[in-house]
Protein backbone atom coordinates (compact mmCIF):
# COMPACT_ATOMS: atom_id res chain seq x y z
CA MET A 1 0.29 -0.02 0.03
CA THR A 2 1.07 3.43 -0.71
CA LEU A 3 0.44 6.78 1.57
CA LEU A 4 0.31 9.99 0.03
CA LEU A 5 0.31 13.47 2.05
CA GLU A 6 0.03 16.83 1.06
CA THR A 7 1.94 19.62 2.77
CA ASP A 8 2.71 23.38 1.76
CA ASP A 9 6.24 22.24 0.34
CA GLY A 10 4.74 19.11 -1.94
CA ILE A 11 3.47 15.21 -1.44
CA SER A 12 5.40 13.27 0.06
CA GLU A 13 5.04 9.08 -0.54
CA PHE A 14 5.44 5.83 1.99
CA ALA A 15 5.15 2.73 1.58
CA LEU A 16 2.96 0.93 4.61
CA THR A 17 3.99 -2.15 6.38
CA SER A 18 1.61 -3.86 8.53
CA VAL A 19 3.06 -3.61 12.26
CA GLU A 20 2.03 -7.02 13.67
CA ARG A 21 2.11 -7.58 17.99
CA LYS A 22 4.07 -10.53 18.08
CA GLY A 23 4.32 -13.18 21.07
CA LYS A 24 3.96 -16.36 22.44
CA LYS A 25 0.84 -18.80 21.43
CA ALA A 26 0.12 -22.40 22.87
CA LYS A 27 -1.62 -23.82 20.43
CA ARG A 28 -4.01 -26.92 21.86
CA ILE A 29 -4.89 -29.91 19.48
CA ALA A 30 -7.24 -32.43 19.40
CA VAL A 31 -6.49 -35.75 18.41
CA ASP A 32 -8.66 -38.83 18.29
CA SER A 33 -8.21 -42.31 19.82
CA GLU A 34 -5.75 -43.09 17.26
CA GLY A 35 -3.66 -39.87 17.71
CA ARG A 36 -4.77 -38.26 14.15
CA GLN A 37 -5.80 -34.38 14.59
CA CYS A 38 -9.11 -33.51 14.77
CA LYS A 39 -10.64 -30.44 13.02
CA PRO A 40 -13.80 -28.53 13.88
CA MET A 41 -17.12 -29.01 12.06
CA LEU A 42 -20.69 -27.39 11.40
CA MET A 43 -23.33 -29.54 10.63
CA THR A 44 -26.89 -28.32 9.19
CA HIS A 45 -29.69 -30.32 10.61
CA ASP A 46 -30.47 -31.92 7.47
CA GLY A 47 -26.69 -33.13 7.66
CA HIS A 48 -25.20 -30.79 5.26
CA ILE A 49 -21.57 -29.80 6.32
CA LEU A 50 -20.80 -26.18 6.31
CA PRO A 51 -16.81 -25.28 5.23
CA SER A 52 -14.91 -23.15 7.30
CA GLY A 53 -15.72 -19.27 7.31
CA SER A 54 -19.19 -20.08 5.98
CA THR A 55 -21.10 -19.19 9.05
CA ALA A 56 -19.15 -15.85 9.01
CA LEU A 57 -19.55 -14.54 5.51
CA LEU A 58 -23.37 -15.92 5.56
CA TYR A 59 -26.13 -13.15 5.71
CA ASP A 60 -29.74 -13.27 6.38
CA ASP A 61 -32.93 -10.70 6.75
CA GLY A 62 -35.51 -11.16 9.71
CA ASP A 63 -37.07 -14.05 8.04
CA GLY A 64 -34.18 -16.11 7.79
CA ASN A 65 -33.56 -15.69 4.02
CA THR A 66 -30.00 -15.42 2.91
CA ILE A 67 -28.74 -12.37 1.37
CA ASP A 68 -26.41 -12.04 -0.84
CA ARG A 69 -23.30 -9.95 0.30
CA GLY A 70 -23.77 -7.53 -2.85
CA GLU A 71 -27.07 -6.72 -2.11
CA ILE A 72 -25.81 -5.40 1.61
CA VAL A 73 -26.04 -1.47 2.04
CA GLU A 74 -25.11 0.46 5.43
CA THR A 75 -27.73 2.90 7.10
CA ASP A 76 -27.96 5.07 10.00
CA GLU A 77 -30.51 4.25 13.02
CA TYR A 78 -32.97 6.06 10.97
CA GLY A 79 -32.88 3.87 7.93
CA ASN A 80 -30.85 6.57 5.79
CA LEU A 81 -28.18 5.44 3.10
CA LEU A 82 -24.80 6.08 4.30
CA ARG A 83 -22.42 7.93 1.90
CA THR A 84 -19.65 5.57 1.28
CA LEU A 85 -16.03 7.23 1.08
CA PRO A 86 -13.32 6.48 -1.31
CA SER A 87 -10.17 4.50 -0.21
CA THR A 88 -7.43 7.05 0.67
CA ILE A 89 -5.03 4.42 -0.33
CA GLY A 90 -2.71 6.15 -3.84
CA ARG A 91 -4.97 9.35 -3.24
CA PRO A 92 -2.94 12.55 -1.91
CA GLN A 93 -4.52 13.69 1.47
CA ARG A 94 -3.93 16.96 2.92
CA LEU A 95 -2.24 16.77 6.35
CA SER A 96 -4.69 19.22 9.43
CA GLU A 97 -2.34 21.14 11.69
CA THR A 98 -0.45 19.26 14.39
CA VAL A 99 -2.55 17.57 17.27
CA GLN A 100 -1.99 17.37 20.89
CA PRO A 101 -0.95 14.05 22.88
CA GLU A 102 -3.78 13.62 24.68
CA GLU A 103 -5.69 13.70 21.84
CA LEU A 104 -5.08 10.11 21.28
CA LEU A 105 -6.48 9.25 24.79
CA GLU A 106 -9.79 9.61 23.04
CA TYR A 107 -9.28 6.80 20.07
CA VAL A 108 -8.95 3.04 20.31
CA MET A 109 -5.55 2.19 18.24
CA GLN A 110 -6.93 -0.49 15.96
CA LYS A 111 -4.16 -1.31 13.69
CA ALA A 112 -0.30 -0.13 13.35
CA TYR A 113 1.48 0.53 10.28
CA ALA A 114 5.77 1.51 9.93
CA LEU A 115 6.41 4.25 7.14
CA THR A 116 9.24 3.76 4.49
CA PRO A 117 9.20 7.11 3.02
CA MET A 118 10.08 6.73 -0.68
CA ILE A 119 9.55 10.48 -1.49
CA LEU A 120 9.74 13.12 1.88
CA VAL A 121 9.52 16.59 1.39
CA SER A 122 11.10 19.26 3.88
CA ASP A 123 8.23 20.81 6.00
CA LEU A 124 6.88 17.48 6.77
CA LYS A 125 10.35 15.74 7.20
CA GLU A 126 10.71 18.69 10.19
CA LEU A 127 7.44 18.20 11.89
CA LEU A 128 8.01 14.87 12.58
CA ALA A 129 11.54 15.88 13.76
CA GLU A 130 10.03 18.29 16.04
CA GLY A 131 8.10 15.27 17.53
CA CYS A 132 4.51 16.68 16.22
CA ILE A 133 1.97 14.38 15.69
CA LEU A 134 -0.08 14.56 12.53
CA LYS A 135 -3.65 13.84 11.85
CA VAL A 136 -4.78 12.57 8.29
CA PRO A 137 -7.86 10.78 6.95
CA PHE A 138 -7.18 6.78 6.41
CA ARG A 139 -9.37 4.15 4.83
CA PRO A 140 -7.27 1.33 3.58
CA ARG A 141 -10.90 0.58 1.44
CA ALA A 142 -14.00 2.10 0.84
CA SER A 143 -15.76 3.16 4.03
CA SER A 144 -18.94 4.88 5.07
CA THR A 145 -16.89 5.42 8.55
CA ASP A 146 -13.96 8.39 8.32
CA ASN A 147 -12.17 7.00 11.62
CA PRO A 148 -8.56 9.19 11.13
CA ALA A 149 -4.89 8.11 11.65
CA PHE A 150 -2.33 9.49 13.40
CA ILE A 151 1.48 10.11 11.96
CA LEU A 152 4.41 10.70 14.02
CA SER A 153 8.01 9.21 14.55
CA ASN A 154 10.72 8.27 17.05
CA SER A 155 13.67 6.63 17.05
CA GLU A 156 12.84 3.54 15.44
CA GLY A 157 11.47 5.06 12.64
CA MET A 158 7.95 6.92 11.42
CA PHE A 159 4.33 5.33 12.07
CA LEU A 160 0.70 5.64 11.13
CA LEU A 161 -1.81 4.78 14.01
CA GLN A 162 -5.02 3.87 12.77
CA GLY A 163 -8.21 4.65 15.49
CA GLN A 164 -11.51 4.93 16.02
CA GLN A 165 -12.71 6.83 18.53
CA CYS A 166 -13.49 5.40 22.32
CA ARG A 167 -16.84 6.43 23.40
CA MET A 168 -15.88 5.57 27.45
CA ASP A 169 -15.37 8.45 29.58
CA PHE A 170 -11.26 9.12 30.84
CA VAL A 171 -11.30 8.39 34.66
CA THR A 172 -8.74 9.76 36.47
CA LEU A 173 -7.43 8.46 40.28
CA ASP A 174 -8.32 12.23 42.02
CA GLN A 175 -11.73 11.87 40.49
CA SER A 176 -14.73 11.63 43.10
CA ILE A 177 -17.70 9.84 42.31
CA THR A 178 -21.03 10.03 43.63
CA VAL A 179 -22.84 6.81 45.27
CA SER A 180 -26.76 7.28 45.75
CA ASP A 181 -28.26 5.12 48.87
CA GLU A 182 -30.50 2.42 47.01
CA ASN A 183 -32.38 2.44 50.50
CA GLU A 184 -32.77 6.53 50.47
CA ASP A 185 -36.34 6.63 48.29
CA GLU A 186 -37.39 3.52 50.54
CA ASP A 187 -36.55 5.09 54.02
CA SER A 188 -38.51 8.50 53.11
CA TRP A 189 -41.27 6.63 52.42
CA ASP A 190 -41.26 4.04 55.34
CA GLU A 191 -40.83 7.74 57.67
CA ALA A 192 -43.46 9.52 55.83
CA TRP A 193 -46.29 6.72 56.29
CA GLU A 194 -45.20 6.11 59.71
CA SER A 195 -45.72 9.74 60.12
CA GLU A 196 -49.10 9.80 58.84
CA GLN A 197 -50.32 6.69 60.69
CA LEU A 198 -48.88 8.83 64.11
CA GLY A 199 -50.57 12.13 63.30
CA GLY A 200 -47.37 13.52 62.70
CA ALA A 201 -45.87 13.22 66.31
CA GLU A 202 -42.28 12.22 66.45
CA TRP A 203 -41.21 9.19 68.41
């Protein structure tokens, strides 16, 4: 994939390489009584075998009818069709102003790419060398969502972080919370009932 970034000094070009998280994983293998490896399989009630991935790629409507993938469209909560935005790959994208590091906390980073510069114009090179964080539209494929990406650099190289805005509130250690007493309303009702029964007299 190729990323094109436009600044005042021209267009920079980068090759994108996905950064994978490496780690040791234990793999459990199921075998039969003779030591042969077993594979999971799904079967319909009438005996048809469903190949791997068939359920993940299956779409149906509310009546259980299968819908072809090409017929699926995205809508909002009111049923209005969402506009499909084109992929940004290979198309120059204008960089916005720099953002503060705190803004990254508002996003959940879903994917990281290492950027290999093939053409790097002077003003973008200077911004990255100063530690600036830049935000740019990034869609690897056509999509109805427009989640931004962040470009930054460090001693290890240049990177693009693809994020999705987080909908949770950030909580700090010194933030106080208010705990309501679940029995508060019930106690108030009991006190009012007792007062009424006793003619408003207090104990």
